[in-house]
PDB file of N, CA and C in Angstrom:
ATOM      1  N   MET A   1      16.436  42.986  42.914  1.00  0.00           N
ATOM      2  CA  MET A   1      16.211  42.596  41.550  1.00  0.00           C
ATOM      3  C   MET A   1      14.830  41.949  41.445  1.00  0.00           C
ATOM      4  N   LYS A   2      14.100  42.315  40.410  1.00  0.00           N
ATOM      5  CA  LYS A   2      12.753  41.781  40.207  1.00  0.00           C
ATOM      6  C   LYS A   2      12.829  40.427  39.530  1.00  0.00           C
ATOM      7  N   LYS A   3      11.895  39.549  39.920  1.00  0.00           N
ATOM      8  CA  LYS A   3      11.804  38.240  39.293  1.00  0.00           C
ATOM      9  C   LYS A   3      10.650  38.256  38.307  1.00  0.00           C
ATOM     10  N   GLY A   4      10.774  37.507  37.195  1.00  0.00           N
ATOM     11  CA  GLY A   4       9.708  37.424  36.207  1.00  0.00           C
ATOM     12  C   GLY A   4      10.263  37.519  34.796  1.00  0.00           C
ATOM     13  N   PHE A   5       9.337  37.540  33.856  1.00  0.00           N
ATOM     14  CA  PHE A   5       9.702  37.575  32.443  1.00  0.00           C
ATOM     15  C   PHE A   5       9.389  38.947  31.873  1.00  0.00           C
ATOM     16  N   THR A   6      10.216  39.386  30.957  1.00  0.00           N
ATOM     17  CA  THR A   6       9.949  40.657  30.299  1.00  0.00           C
ATOM     18  C   THR A   6       8.947  40.431  29.169  1.00  0.00           C
ATOM     19  N   LEU A   7       8.370  41.494  28.706  1.00  0.00           N
ATOM     20  CA  LEU A   7       7.414  41.421  27.601  1.00  0.00           C
ATOM     21  C   LEU A   7       8.085  40.844  26.356  1.00  0.00           C
ATOM     22  N   LEU A   8       9.307  41.213  26.102  1.00  0.00           N
ATOM     23  CA  LEU A   8      10.030  40.707  24.940  1.00  0.00           C
ATOM     24  C   LEU A   8      10.220  39.192  25.024  1.00  0.00           C
ATOM     25  N   GLU A   9      10.565  38.686  26.190  1.00  0.00           N
ATOM     26  CA  GLU A   9      10.734  37.241  26.361  1.00  0.00           C
ATOM     27  C   GLU A   9       9.419  36.507  26.111  1.00  0.00           C
ATOM     28  N   MET A  10       8.330  37.054  26.597  1.00  0.00           N
ATOM     29  CA  MET A  10       7.012  36.439  26.394  1.00  0.00           C
ATOM     30  C   MET A  10       6.642  36.424  24.906  1.00  0.00           C
ATOM     31  N   LEU A  11       6.920  37.504  24.198  1.00  0.00           N
ATOM     32  CA  LEU A  11       6.607  37.565  22.770  1.00  0.00           C
ATOM     33  C   LEU A  11       7.440  36.563  21.978  1.00  0.00           C
ATOM     34  N   VAL A  12       8.691  36.379  22.343  1.00  0.00           N
ATOM     35  CA  VAL A  12       9.542  35.404  21.663  1.00  0.00           C
ATOM     36  C   VAL A  12       8.992  33.997  21.861  1.00  0.00           C
ATOM     37  N   VAL A  13       8.605  33.668  23.084  1.00  0.00           N
ATOM     38  CA  VAL A  13       8.051  32.339  23.379  1.00  0.00           C
ATOM     39  C   VAL A  13       6.745  32.127  22.617  1.00  0.00           C
ATOM     40  N   ILE A  14       5.881  33.118  22.594  1.00  0.00           N
ATOM     41  CA  ILE A  14       4.607  33.006  21.864  1.00  0.00           C
ATOM     42  C   ILE A  14       4.873  32.832  20.370  1.00  0.00           C
ATOM     43  N   GLY A  15       5.854  33.542  19.835  1.00  0.00           N
ATOM     44  CA  GLY A  15       6.209  33.398  18.421  1.00  0.00           C
ATOM     45  C   GLY A  15       6.708  32.002  18.096  1.00  0.00           C
ATOM     46  N   ILE A  16       7.550  31.449  18.960  1.00  0.00           N
ATOM     47  CA  ILE A  16       8.059  30.086  18.751  1.00  0.00           C
ATOM     48  C   ILE A  16       6.915  29.081  18.788  1.00  0.00           C
ATOM     49  N   ILE A  17       6.016  29.229  19.741  1.00  0.00           N
ATOM     50  CA  ILE A  17       4.861  28.322  19.840  1.00  0.00           C
ATOM     51  C   ILE A  17       3.998  28.423  18.583  1.00  0.00           C
ATOM     52  N   ALA A  18       3.781  29.634  18.080  1.00  0.00           N
ATOM     53  CA  ALA A  18       2.965  29.819  16.872  1.00  0.00           C
ATOM     54  C   ALA A  18       3.598  29.122  15.668  1.00  0.00           C
ATOM     55  N   VAL A  19       4.910  29.215  15.534  1.00  0.00           N
ATOM     56  CA  VAL A  19       5.603  28.555  14.418  1.00  0.00           C
ATOM     57  C   VAL A  19       5.462  27.043  14.536  1.00  0.00           C
ATOM     58  N   LEU A  20       5.646  26.505  15.730  1.00  0.00           N
ATOM     59  CA  LEU A  20       5.524  25.059  15.931  1.00  0.00           C
ATOM     60  C   LEU A  20       4.109  24.561  15.640  1.00  0.00           C
ATOM     61  N   VAL A  21       3.103  25.307  16.065  1.00  0.00           N
ATOM     62  CA  VAL A  21       1.710  24.920  15.810  1.00  0.00           C
ATOM     63  C   VAL A  21       1.414  24.945  14.312  1.00  0.00           C
ATOM     64  N   SER A  22       1.875  25.966  13.611  1.00  0.00           N
ATOM     65  CA  SER A  22       1.606  26.037  12.165  1.00  0.00           C
ATOM     66  C   SER A  22       2.303  24.902  11.419  1.00  0.00           C
ATOM     67  N   MET A  23       3.496  24.512  11.848  1.00  0.00           N
ATOM     68  CA  MET A  23       4.183  23.376  11.222  1.00  0.00           C
ATOM     69  C   MET A  23       3.417  22.080  11.484  1.00  0.00           C
ATOM     70  N   GLY A  24       2.878  21.926  12.679  1.00  0.00           N
ATOM     71  CA  GLY A  24       2.098  20.731  13.008  1.00  0.00           C
ATOM     72  C   GLY A  24       0.833  20.634  12.182  1.00  0.00           C
ATOM     73  N   ILE A  25       0.157  21.751  11.997  1.00  0.00           N
ATOM     74  CA  ILE A  25      -1.077  21.762  11.201  1.00  0.00           C
ATOM     75  C   ILE A  25      -0.776  21.414   9.745  1.00  0.00           C
ATOM     76  N   ALA A  26       0.302  21.949   9.193  1.00  0.00           N
ATOM     77  CA  ALA A  26       0.667  21.652   7.805  1.00  0.00           C
ATOM     78  C   ALA A  26       1.006  20.172   7.640  1.00  0.00           C
ATOM     79  N   SER A  27       1.731  19.608   8.586  1.00  0.00           N
ATOM     80  CA  SER A  27       2.081  18.180   8.514  1.00  0.00           C
ATOM     81  C   SER A  27       0.839  17.306   8.611  1.00  0.00           C
ATOM     82  N   TYR A  28      -0.085  17.676   9.470  1.00  0.00           N
ATOM     83  CA  TYR A  28      -1.319  16.910   9.637  1.00  0.00           C
ATOM     84  C   TYR A  28      -2.140  16.930   8.353  1.00  0.00           C
ATOM     85  N   SER A  29      -2.227  18.085   7.720  1.00  0.00           N
ATOM     86  CA  SER A  29      -2.984  18.210   6.472  1.00  0.00           C
ATOM     87  C   SER A  29      -2.372  17.345   5.372  1.00  0.00           C
ATOM     88  N   THR A  30      -1.054  17.349   5.275  1.00  0.00           N
ATOM     89  CA  THR A  30      -0.367  16.521   4.280  1.00  0.00           C
ATOM     90  C   THR A  30      -0.606  15.041   4.544  1.00  0.00           C
ATOM     91  N   ALA A  31      -0.553  14.648   5.806  1.00  0.00           N
ATOM     92  CA  ALA A  31      -0.780  13.242   6.164  1.00  0.00           C
ATOM     93  C   ALA A  31      -2.201  12.815   5.811  1.00  0.00           C
ATOM     94  N   GLN A  32      -3.177  13.699   6.019  1.00  0.00           N
ATOM     95  CA  GLN A  32      -4.563  13.380   5.664  1.00  0.00           C
ATOM     96  C   GLN A  32      -4.704  13.163   4.160  1.00  0.00           C
ATOM     97  N   LYS A  33      -4.089  14.015   3.365  1.00  0.00           N
ATOM     98  CA  LYS A  33      -4.167  13.879   1.906  1.00  0.00           C
ATOM     99  C   LYS A  33      -3.548  12.566   1.448  1.00  0.00           C
ATOM    100  N   LYS A  34      -2.393  12.225   2.012  1.00  0.00           N
ATOM    101  CA  LYS A  34      -1.738  10.970   1.642  1.00  0.00           C
ATOM    102  C   LYS A  34      -2.591   9.767   2.038  1.00  0.00           C
ATOM    103  N   ALA A  35      -3.247   9.849   3.182  1.00  0.00           N
ATOM    104  CA  ALA A  35      -4.105   8.747   3.629  1.00  0.00           C
ATOM    105  C   ALA A  35      -5.309   8.582   2.703  1.00  0.00           C
ATOM    106  N   ARG A  36      -5.905   9.695   2.269  1.00  0.00           N
ATOM    107  CA  ARG A  36      -7.048   9.601   1.348  1.00  0.00           C
ATOM    108  C   ARG A  36      -6.619   9.013   0.007  1.00  0.00           C
ATOM    109  N   ASP A  37      -5.444   9.413  -0.487  1.00  0.00           N
ATOM    110  CA  ASP A  37      -4.937   8.847  -1.743  1.00  0.00           C
ATOM    111  C   ASP A  37      -4.649   7.357  -1.596  1.00  0.00           C
ATOM    112  N   ALA A  38      -4.082   6.958  -0.474  1.00  0.00           N
ATOM    113  CA  ALA A  38      -3.804   5.533  -0.240  1.00  0.00           C
ATOM    114  C   ALA A  38      -5.101   4.736  -0.215  1.00  0.00           C
ATOM    115  N   LYS A  39      -6.156   5.309   0.385  1.00  0.00           N
ATOM    116  CA  LYS A  39      -7.459   4.626   0.421  1.00  0.00           C
ATOM    117  C   LYS A  39      -8.031   4.504  -0.987  1.00  0.00           C
ATOM    118  N   ARG A  40      -7.940   5.564  -1.776  1.00  0.00           N
ATOM    119  CA  ARG A  40      -8.435   5.506  -3.160  1.00  0.00           C
ATOM    120  C   ARG A  40      -7.735   4.396  -3.945  1.00  0.00           C
ATOM    121  N   LYS A  41      -6.411   4.345  -3.841  1.00  0.00           N
ATOM    122  CA  LYS A  41      -5.643   3.338  -4.584  1.00  0.00           C
ATOM    123  C   LYS A  41      -5.971   1.926  -4.109  1.00  0.00           C
ATOM    124  N   ALA A  42      -6.054   1.735  -2.799  1.00  0.00           N
ATOM    125  CA  ALA A  42      -6.369   0.403  -2.263  1.00  0.00           C
ATOM    126  C   ALA A  42      -7.778  -0.024  -2.661  1.00  0.00           C
ATOM    127  N   ASP A  43      -8.732   0.913  -2.612  1.00  0.00           N
ATOM    128  CA  ASP A  43     -10.106   0.595  -3.015  1.00  0.00           C
ATOM    129  C   ASP A  43     -10.169   0.185  -4.484  1.00  0.00           C
ATOM    130  N   LEU A  44      -9.457   0.909  -5.347  1.00  0.00           N
ATOM    131  CA  LEU A  44      -9.484   0.568  -6.772  1.00  0.00           C
ATOM    132  C   LEU A  44      -8.797  -0.763  -7.042  1.00  0.00           C
ATOM    133  N   LYS A  45      -7.733  -1.074  -6.316  1.00  0.00           N
ATOM    134  CA  LYS A  45      -7.079  -2.380  -6.481  1.00  0.00           C
ATOM    135  C   LYS A  45      -8.027  -3.503  -6.041  1.00  0.00           C
ATOM    136  N   ALA A  46      -8.736  -3.311  -4.925  1.00  0.00           N
ATOM    137  CA  ALA A  46      -9.710  -4.312  -4.469  1.00  0.00           C
ATOM    138  C   ALA A  46     -10.841  -4.446  -5.484  1.00  0.00           C
ATOM    139  N   PHE A  47     -11.263  -3.317  -6.062  1.00  0.00           N
ATOM    140  CA  PHE A  47     -12.305  -3.324  -7.086  1.00  0.00           C
ATOM    141  C   PHE A  47     -11.832  -4.110  -8.306  1.00  0.00           C
ATOM    142  N   GLN A  48     -10.573  -3.915  -8.688  1.00  0.00           N
ATOM    143  CA  GLN A  48      -9.995  -4.647  -9.817  1.00  0.00           C
ATOM    144  C   GLN A  48      -9.994  -6.151  -9.528  1.00  0.00           C
ATOM    145  N   ASN A  49      -9.620  -6.535  -8.316  1.00  0.00           N
ATOM    146  CA  ASN A  49      -9.633  -7.958  -7.945  1.00  0.00           C
ATOM    147  C   ASN A  49     -11.041  -8.537  -8.036  1.00  0.00           C
ATOM    148  N   ALA A  50     -12.036  -7.782  -7.572  1.00  0.00           N
ATOM    149  CA  ALA A  50     -13.424  -8.248  -7.646  1.00  0.00           C
ATOM    150  C   ALA A  50     -13.869  -8.397  -9.098  1.00  0.00           C
ATOM    151  N   MET A  51     -13.474  -7.436  -9.943  1.00  0.00           N
ATOM    152  CA  MET A  51     -13.835  -7.521 -11.364  1.00  0.00           C
ATOM    153  C   MET A  51     -13.213  -8.757 -12.005  1.00  0.00           C
ATOM    154  N   GLU A  52     -11.971  -9.055 -11.682  1.00  0.00           N
ATOM    155  CA  GLU A  52     -11.299 -10.221 -12.263  1.00  0.00           C
ATOM    156  C   GLU A  52     -11.924 -11.526 -11.763  1.00  0.00           C
ATOM    157  N   GLN A  53     -12.351 -11.555 -10.504  1.00  0.00           N
ATOM    158  CA  GLN A  53     -13.035 -12.749  -9.995  1.00  0.00           C
ATOM    159  C   GLN A  53     -14.357 -12.950 -10.721  1.00  0.00           C
ATOM    160  N   CYS A  54     -15.088 -11.867 -10.924  1.00  0.00           N
ATOM    161  CA  CYS A  54     -16.351 -11.959 -11.667  1.00  0.00           C
ATOM    162  C   CYS A  54     -16.104 -12.438 -13.090  1.00  0.00           C
ATOM    163  N   TYR A  55     -15.048 -11.937 -13.700  1.00  0.00           N
ATOM    164  CA  TYR A  55     -14.713 -12.318 -15.074  1.00  0.00           C
ATOM    165  C   TYR A  55     -14.549 -13.832 -15.188  1.00  0.00           C
ATOM    166  N   SER A  56     -13.875 -14.425 -14.219  1.00  0.00           N
ATOM    167  CA  SER A  56     -13.610 -15.864 -14.301  1.00  0.00           C
ATOM    168  C   SER A  56     -14.841 -16.713 -13.989  1.00  0.00           C
ATOM    169  N   VAL A  57     -15.788 -16.213 -13.193  1.00  0.00           N
ATOM    170  CA  VAL A  57     -16.981 -17.015 -12.875  1.00  0.00           C
ATOM    171  C   VAL A  57     -18.188 -16.658 -13.735  1.00  0.00           C
ATOM    172  N   ASP A  58     -18.115 -15.574 -14.480  1.00  0.00           N
ATOM    173  CA  ASP A  58     -19.236 -15.130 -15.329  1.00  0.00           C
ATOM    174  C   ASP A  58     -18.969 -15.397 -16.807  1.00  0.00           C
ATOM    175  N   ASN A  59     -18.505 -16.574 -17.134  1.00  0.00           N
ATOM    176  CA  ASN A  59     -18.272 -16.952 -18.530  1.00  0.00           C
ATOM    177  C   ASN A  59     -17.361 -15.971 -19.259  1.00  0.00           C
ATOM    178  N   TYR A  60     -16.327 -15.527 -18.585  1.00  0.00           N
ATOM    179  CA  TYR A  60     -15.329 -14.621 -19.150  1.00  0.00           C
ATOM    180  C   TYR A  60     -15.959 -13.349 -19.721  1.00  0.00           C
ATOM    181  N   SER A  61     -16.778 -12.744 -18.882  1.00  0.00           N
ATOM    182  CA  SER A  61     -17.421 -11.481 -19.224  1.00  0.00           C
ATOM    183  C   SER A  61     -17.393 -10.588 -17.977  1.00  0.00           C
ATOM    184  N   TYR A  62     -16.969  -9.332 -18.151  1.00  0.00           N
ATOM    185  CA  TYR A  62     -16.934  -8.414 -17.013  1.00  0.00           C
ATOM    186  C   TYR A  62     -18.340  -7.934 -16.679  1.00  0.00           C
ATOM    187  N   PRO A  63     -18.628  -7.719 -15.393  1.00  0.00           N
ATOM    188  CA  PRO A  63     -19.941  -7.195 -15.016  1.00  0.00           C
ATOM    189  C   PRO A  63     -20.037  -5.704 -15.342  1.00  0.00           C
ATOM    190  N   ALA A  64     -21.252  -5.217 -15.389  1.00  0.00           N
ATOM    191  CA  ALA A  64     -21.464  -3.787 -15.626  1.00  0.00           C
ATOM    192  C   ALA A  64     -21.006  -3.003 -14.401  1.00  0.00           C
ATOM    193  N   ILE A  65     -20.452  -1.823 -14.653  1.00  0.00           N
ATOM    194  CA  ILE A  65     -20.044  -0.927 -13.569  1.00  0.00           C
ATOM    195  C   ILE A  65     -20.995   0.257 -13.595  1.00  0.00           C
ATOM    196  N   THR A  66     -21.583   0.567 -12.455  1.00  0.00           N
ATOM    197  CA  THR A  66     -22.483   1.718 -12.365  1.00  0.00           C
ATOM    198  C   THR A  66     -21.805   2.822 -11.562  1.00  0.00           C
ATOM    199  N   GLY A  67     -22.188   4.059 -11.836  1.00  0.00           N
ATOM    200  CA  GLY A  67     -21.681   5.179 -11.062  1.00  0.00           C
ATOM    201  C   GLY A  67     -20.715   6.080 -11.797  1.00  0.00           C
ATOM    202  N   ASN A  68     -20.684   6.044 -13.127  1.00  0.00           N
ATOM    203  CA  ASN A  68     -19.774   6.902 -13.882  1.00  0.00           C
ATOM    204  C   ASN A  68     -20.028   8.370 -13.548  1.00  0.00           C
ATOM    205  N   GLY A  69     -18.973   9.098 -13.214  1.00  0.00           N
ATOM    206  CA  GLY A  69     -19.094  10.516 -12.915  1.00  0.00           C
ATOM    207  C   GLY A  69     -19.607  10.820 -11.524  1.00  0.00           C
ATOM    208  N   THR A  70     -19.655   9.825 -10.645  1.00  0.00           N
ATOM    209  CA  THR A  70     -20.119  10.043  -9.277  1.00  0.00           C
ATOM    210  C   THR A  70     -19.004   9.710  -8.288  1.00  0.00           C
ATOM    211  N   THR A  71     -19.278   9.916  -7.006  1.00  0.00           N
ATOM    212  CA  THR A  71     -18.279   9.639  -5.974  1.00  0.00           C
ATOM    213  C   THR A  71     -18.335   8.198  -5.497  1.00  0.00           C
ATOM    214  N   SER A  72     -19.210   7.385  -6.086  1.00  0.00           N
ATOM    215  CA  SER A  72     -19.336   5.986  -5.679  1.00  0.00           C
ATOM    216  C   SER A  72     -19.570   5.124  -6.915  1.00  0.00           C
ATOM    217  N   ILE A  73     -18.855   3.992  -7.012  1.00  0.00           N
ATOM    218  CA  ILE A  73     -19.064   3.078  -8.131  1.00  0.00           C
ATOM    219  C   ILE A  73     -19.354   1.689  -7.591  1.00  0.00           C
ATOM    220  N   ALA A  74     -20.044   0.883  -8.401  1.00  0.00           N
ATOM    221  CA  ALA A  74     -20.398  -0.472  -7.976  1.00  0.00           C
ATOM    222  C   ALA A  74     -20.335  -1.410  -9.166  1.00  0.00           C
ATOM    223  N   GLU A  75     -20.061  -2.676  -8.868  1.00  0.00           N
ATOM    224  CA  GLU A  75     -20.147  -3.724  -9.884  1.00  0.00           C
ATOM    225  C   GLU A  75     -21.044  -4.805  -9.320  1.00  0.00           C
ATOM    226  N   ASP A  76     -21.810  -5.420 -10.197  1.00  0.00           N
ATOM    227  CA  ASP A  76     -22.753  -6.451  -9.775  1.00  0.00           C
ATOM    228  C   ASP A  76     -22.467  -7.717 -10.558  1.00  0.00           C
ATOM    229  N   CYS A  77     -21.806  -8.643  -9.907  1.00  0.00           N
ATOM    230  CA  CYS A  77     -21.455  -9.916 -10.532  1.00  0.00           C
ATOM    231  C   CYS A  77     -22.741 -10.720 -10.729  1.00  0.00           C
ATOM    232  N   THR A  78     -23.000 -11.175 -11.949  1.00  0.00           N
ATOM    233  CA  THR A  78     -24.240 -11.903 -12.205  1.00  0.00           C
ATOM    234  C   THR A  78     -24.211 -13.303 -11.616  1.00  0.00           C
ATOM    235  N   SER A  79     -23.027 -13.847 -11.401  1.00  0.00           N
ATOM    236  CA  SER A  79     -22.911 -15.176 -10.797  1.00  0.00           C
ATOM    237  C   SER A  79     -23.141 -15.079  -9.292  1.00  0.00           C
ATOM    238  N   GLU A  80     -23.801 -16.072  -8.732  1.00  0.00           N
ATOM    239  CA  GLU A  80     -24.042 -16.092  -7.291  1.00  0.00           C
ATOM    240  C   GLU A  80     -22.747 -16.236  -6.499  1.00  0.00           C
ATOM    241  N   THR A  81     -21.720 -16.832  -7.106  1.00  0.00           N
ATOM    242  CA  THR A  81     -20.467 -17.047  -6.389  1.00  0.00           C
ATOM    243  C   THR A  81     -19.510 -15.869  -6.503  1.00  0.00           C
ATOM    244  N   GLY A  82     -19.776 -14.947  -7.387  1.00  0.00           N
ATOM    245  CA  GLY A  82     -18.881 -13.807  -7.584  1.00  0.00           C
ATOM    246  C   GLY A  82     -19.120 -12.713  -6.558  1.00  0.00           C
ATOM    247  N   PRO A  83     -18.097 -11.900  -6.297  1.00  0.00           N
ATOM    248  CA  PRO A  83     -18.240 -10.822  -5.318  1.00  0.00           C
ATOM    249  C   PRO A  83     -18.954  -9.608  -5.914  1.00  0.00           C
ATOM    250  N   ASP A  84     -19.774  -8.967  -5.106  1.00  0.00           N
ATOM    251  CA  ASP A  84     -20.360  -7.673  -5.459  1.00  0.00           C
ATOM    252  C   ASP A  84     -19.615  -6.634  -4.633  1.00  0.00           C
ATOM    253  N   MET A  85     -19.304  -5.498  -5.218  1.00  0.00           N
ATOM    254  CA  MET A  85     -18.492  -4.522  -4.513  1.00  0.00           C
ATOM    255  C   MET A  85     -18.902  -3.112  -4.863  1.00  0.00           C
ATOM    256  N   THR A  86     -18.913  -2.253  -3.850  1.00  0.00           N
ATOM    257  CA  THR A  86     -19.151  -0.827  -4.026  1.00  0.00           C
ATOM    258  C   THR A  86     -18.019  -0.081  -3.337  1.00  0.00           C
ATOM    259  N   ILE A  87     -17.451   0.921  -3.999  1.00  0.00           N
ATOM    260  CA  ILE A  87     -16.453   1.767  -3.345  1.00  0.00           C
ATOM    261  C   ILE A  87     -16.904   3.215  -3.420  1.00  0.00           C
ATOM    262  N   THR A  88     -16.570   3.966  -2.382  1.00  0.00           N
ATOM    263  CA  THR A  88     -16.956   5.367  -2.290  1.00  0.00           C
ATOM    264  C   THR A  88     -15.714   6.201  -2.006  1.00  0.00           C
ATOM    265  N   ASP A  89     -15.573   7.310  -2.702  1.00  0.00           N
ATOM    266  CA  ASP A  89     -14.425   8.187  -2.504  1.00  0.00           C
ATOM    267  C   ASP A  89     -14.489   8.823  -1.113  1.00  0.00           C
ATOM    268  N   PRO A  90     -13.335   8.999  -0.437  1.00  0.00           N
ATOM    269  CA  PRO A  90     -13.341   9.585   0.901  1.00  0.00           C
ATOM    270  C   PRO A  90     -13.720  11.065   0.935  1.00  0.00           C
ATOM    271  N   THR A  91     -13.678  11.750  -0.203  1.00  0.00           N
ATOM    272  CA  THR A  91     -14.111  13.155  -0.240  1.00  0.00           C
ATOM    273  C   THR A  91     -15.146  13.300  -1.343  1.00  0.00           C
ATOM    274  N   THR A  92     -14.921  14.214  -2.259  1.00  0.00           N
ATOM    275  CA  THR A  92     -15.902  14.446  -3.330  1.00  0.00           C
ATOM    276  C   THR A  92     -15.321  14.199  -4.715  1.00  0.00           C
ATOM    277  N   LYS A  93     -14.203  13.511  -4.798  1.00  0.00           N
ATOM    278  CA  LYS A  93     -13.620  13.186  -6.107  1.00  0.00           C
ATOM    279  C   LYS A  93     -14.518  12.165  -6.807  1.00  0.00           C
ATOM    280  N   THR A  94     -14.603  12.253  -8.130  1.00  0.00           N
ATOM    281  CA  THR A  94     -15.486  11.352  -8.876  1.00  0.00           C
ATOM    282  C   THR A  94     -14.691  10.287  -9.621  1.00  0.00           C
ATOM    283  N   TYR A  95     -15.380   9.217  -9.956  1.00  0.00           N
ATOM    284  CA  TYR A  95     -14.798   8.121 -10.725  1.00  0.00           C
ATOM    285  C   TYR A  95     -15.265   8.228 -12.175  1.00  0.00           C
ATOM    286  N   THR A  96     -14.350   7.994 -13.110  1.00  0.00           N
ATOM    287  CA  THR A  96     -14.678   7.948 -14.529  1.00  0.00           C
ATOM    288  C   THR A  96     -14.583   6.494 -14.970  1.00  0.00           C
ATOM    289  N   VAL A  97     -15.672   5.977 -15.535  1.00  0.00           N
ATOM    290  CA  VAL A  97     -15.763   4.559 -15.874  1.00  0.00           C
ATOM    291  C   VAL A  97     -15.959   4.378 -17.373  1.00  0.00           C
ATOM    292  N   THR A  98     -15.198   3.460 -17.968  1.00  0.00           N
ATOM    293  CA  THR A  98     -15.417   2.983 -19.327  1.00  0.00           C
ATOM    294  C   THR A  98     -15.528   1.475 -19.219  1.00  0.00           C
ATOM    295  N   SER A  99     -16.653   0.910 -19.668  1.00  0.00           N
ATOM    296  CA  SER A  99     -16.870  -0.513 -19.415  1.00  0.00           C
ATOM    297  C   SER A  99     -17.632  -1.184 -20.544  1.00  0.00           C
ATOM    298  N   THR A 100     -17.146  -2.375 -20.941  1.00  0.00           N
ATOM    299  CA  THR A 100     -17.873  -3.274 -21.837  1.00  0.00           C
ATOM    300  C   THR A 100     -17.773  -4.661 -21.219  1.00  0.00           C
ATOM    301  N   SER A 101     -18.312  -5.660 -21.897  1.00  0.00           N
ATOM    302  CA  SER A 101     -18.225  -7.013 -21.350  1.00  0.00           C
ATOM    303  C   SER A 101     -16.813  -7.591 -21.452  1.00  0.00           C
ATOM    304  N   SER A 102     -15.966  -6.989 -22.297  1.00  0.00           N
ATOM    305  CA  SER A 102     -14.607  -7.523 -22.451  1.00  0.00           C
ATOM    306  C   SER A 102     -13.507  -6.599 -21.923  1.00  0.00           C
ATOM    307  N   THR A 103     -13.832  -5.351 -21.614  1.00  0.00           N
ATOM    308  CA  THR A 103     -12.838  -4.414 -21.077  1.00  0.00           C
ATOM    309  C   THR A 103     -13.489  -3.491 -20.050  1.00  0.00           C
ATOM    310  N   TYR A 104     -12.653  -2.902 -19.225  1.00  0.00           N
ATOM    311  CA  TYR A 104     -13.126  -1.856 -18.321  1.00  0.00           C
ATOM    312  C   TYR A 104     -11.947  -0.978 -17.929  1.00  0.00           C
ATOM    313  N   SER A 105     -12.243   0.230 -17.537  1.00  0.00           N
ATOM    314  CA  SER A 105     -11.246   1.157 -17.027  1.00  0.00           C
ATOM    315  C   SER A 105     -11.939   2.067 -16.024  1.00  0.00           C
ATOM    316  N   VAL A 106     -11.325   2.229 -14.862  1.00  0.00           N
ATOM    317  CA  VAL A 106     -11.854   3.132 -13.841  1.00  0.00           C
ATOM    318  C   VAL A 106     -10.731   4.083 -13.464  1.00  0.00           C
ATOM    319  N   GLN A 107     -11.054   5.372 -13.421  1.00  0.00           N
ATOM    320  CA  GLN A 107     -10.046   6.393 -13.144  1.00  0.00           C
ATOM    321  C   GLN A 107     -10.567   7.344 -12.078  1.00  0.00           C
ATOM    322  N   THR A 108      -9.675   7.806 -11.208  1.00  0.00           N
ATOM    323  CA  THR A 108     -10.028   8.814 -10.219  1.00  0.00           C
ATOM    324  C   THR A 108      -8.899   9.827 -10.115  1.00  0.00           C
ATOM    325  N   THR A 109      -9.209  10.994  -9.592  1.00  0.00           N
ATOM    326  CA  THR A 109      -8.222  12.051  -9.417  1.00  0.00           C
ATOM    327  C   THR A 109      -7.704  12.024  -7.986  1.00  0.00           C
ATOM    328  N   LEU A 110      -6.386  12.118  -7.835  1.00  0.00           N
ATOM    329  CA  LEU A 110      -5.769  12.134  -6.512  1.00  0.00           C
ATOM    330  C   LEU A 110      -5.703  13.568  -5.986  1.00  0.00           C
ATOM    331  N   GLU A 111      -5.278  13.724  -4.748  1.00  0.00           N
ATOM    332  CA  GLU A 111      -5.246  15.032  -4.095  1.00  0.00           C
ATOM    333  C   GLU A 111      -4.348  16.040  -4.809  1.00  0.00           C
ATOM    334  N   ASP A 112      -3.267  15.576  -5.429  1.00  0.00           N
ATOM    335  CA  ASP A 112      -2.344  16.494  -6.104  1.00  0.00           C
ATOM    336  C   ASP A 112      -2.763  16.807  -7.539  1.00  0.00           C
ATOM    337  N   GLY A 113      -3.916  16.291  -7.961  1.00  0.00           N
ATOM    338  CA  GLY A 113      -4.423  16.551  -9.306  1.00  0.00           C
ATOM    339  C   GLY A 113      -4.047  15.493 -10.324  1.00  0.00           C
ATOM    340  N   SER A 114      -3.152  14.581  -9.972  1.00  0.00           N
ATOM    341  CA  SER A 114      -2.802  13.498 -10.893  1.00  0.00           C
ATOM    342  C   SER A 114      -3.924  12.457 -10.892  1.00  0.00           C
ATOM    343  N   THR A 115      -3.870  11.536 -11.837  1.00  0.00           N
ATOM    344  CA  THR A 115      -4.914  10.515 -11.918  1.00  0.00           C
ATOM    345  C   THR A 115      -4.341   9.139 -11.615  1.00  0.00           C
ATOM    346  N   PHE A 116      -5.213   8.269 -11.136  1.00  0.00           N
ATOM    347  CA  PHE A 116      -4.873   6.873 -10.879  1.00  0.00           C
ATOM    348  C   PHE A 116      -5.957   6.047 -11.534  1.00  0.00           C
ATOM    349  N   SER A 117      -5.562   5.027 -12.305  1.00  0.00           N
ATOM    350  CA  SER A 117      -6.574   4.233 -13.000  1.00  0.00           C
ATOM    351  C   SER A 117      -6.243   2.749 -12.929  1.00  0.00           C
ATOM    352  N   ILE A 118      -7.285   1.947 -13.102  1.00  0.00           N
ATOM    353  CA  ILE A 118      -7.155   0.496 -13.188  1.00  0.00           C
ATOM    354  C   ILE A 118      -7.850   0.054 -14.464  1.00  0.00           C
ATOM    355  N   SER A 119      -7.474  -1.103 -14.954  1.00  0.00           N
ATOM    356  CA  SER A 119      -8.151  -1.674 -16.116  1.00  0.00           C
ATOM    357  C   SER A 119      -8.030  -3.185 -16.052  1.00  0.00           C
ATOM    358  N   GLU A 120      -8.627  -3.843 -17.037  1.00  0.00           N
ATOM    359  CA  GLU A 120      -8.659  -5.306 -17.047  1.00  0.00           C
ATOM    360  C   GLU A 120      -7.250  -5.881 -17.106  1.00  0.00           C
ATOM    361  N   LEU A 121      -7.094  -7.064 -16.511  1.00  0.00           N
ATOM    362  CA  LEU A 121      -5.805  -7.757 -16.521  1.00  0.00           C
ATOM    363  C   LEU A 121      -5.691  -8.720 -17.690  1.00  0.00           C
ATOM    364  N   GLN A 122      -6.817  -9.164 -18.294  1.00  0.00           N
ATOM    365  CA  GLN A 122      -6.810 -10.152 -19.378  1.00  0.00           C
ATOM    366  C   GLN A 122      -6.293  -9.539 -20.649  1.00  0.00           C
TER     367      GLN A 122
END
């Protein structure tokens, strides 16, 4: 009797390995998208906190936000004690900004096409 594997057995094993690899790649891609969305949300929440701190130290006036329609936005607190902050999207998604001295709104698009936005707390 001969020892070894038949061609059919080898093809079955290769097919199983291919299925497992494709499932791993799909899971990795999904995890990357979720991580980028989590970073976007955390960055915008931190940006909101910085804006609120500036509001309280800048005579109850929000600082100007620069970067509307770009992948990076910044706020410049006029008070020396207030935080200055810049956030950049992890890919090429853009931020939409609406800002006055008494209100602001920042919006970005998530990986699934939905939007996430922040605005003033006052």
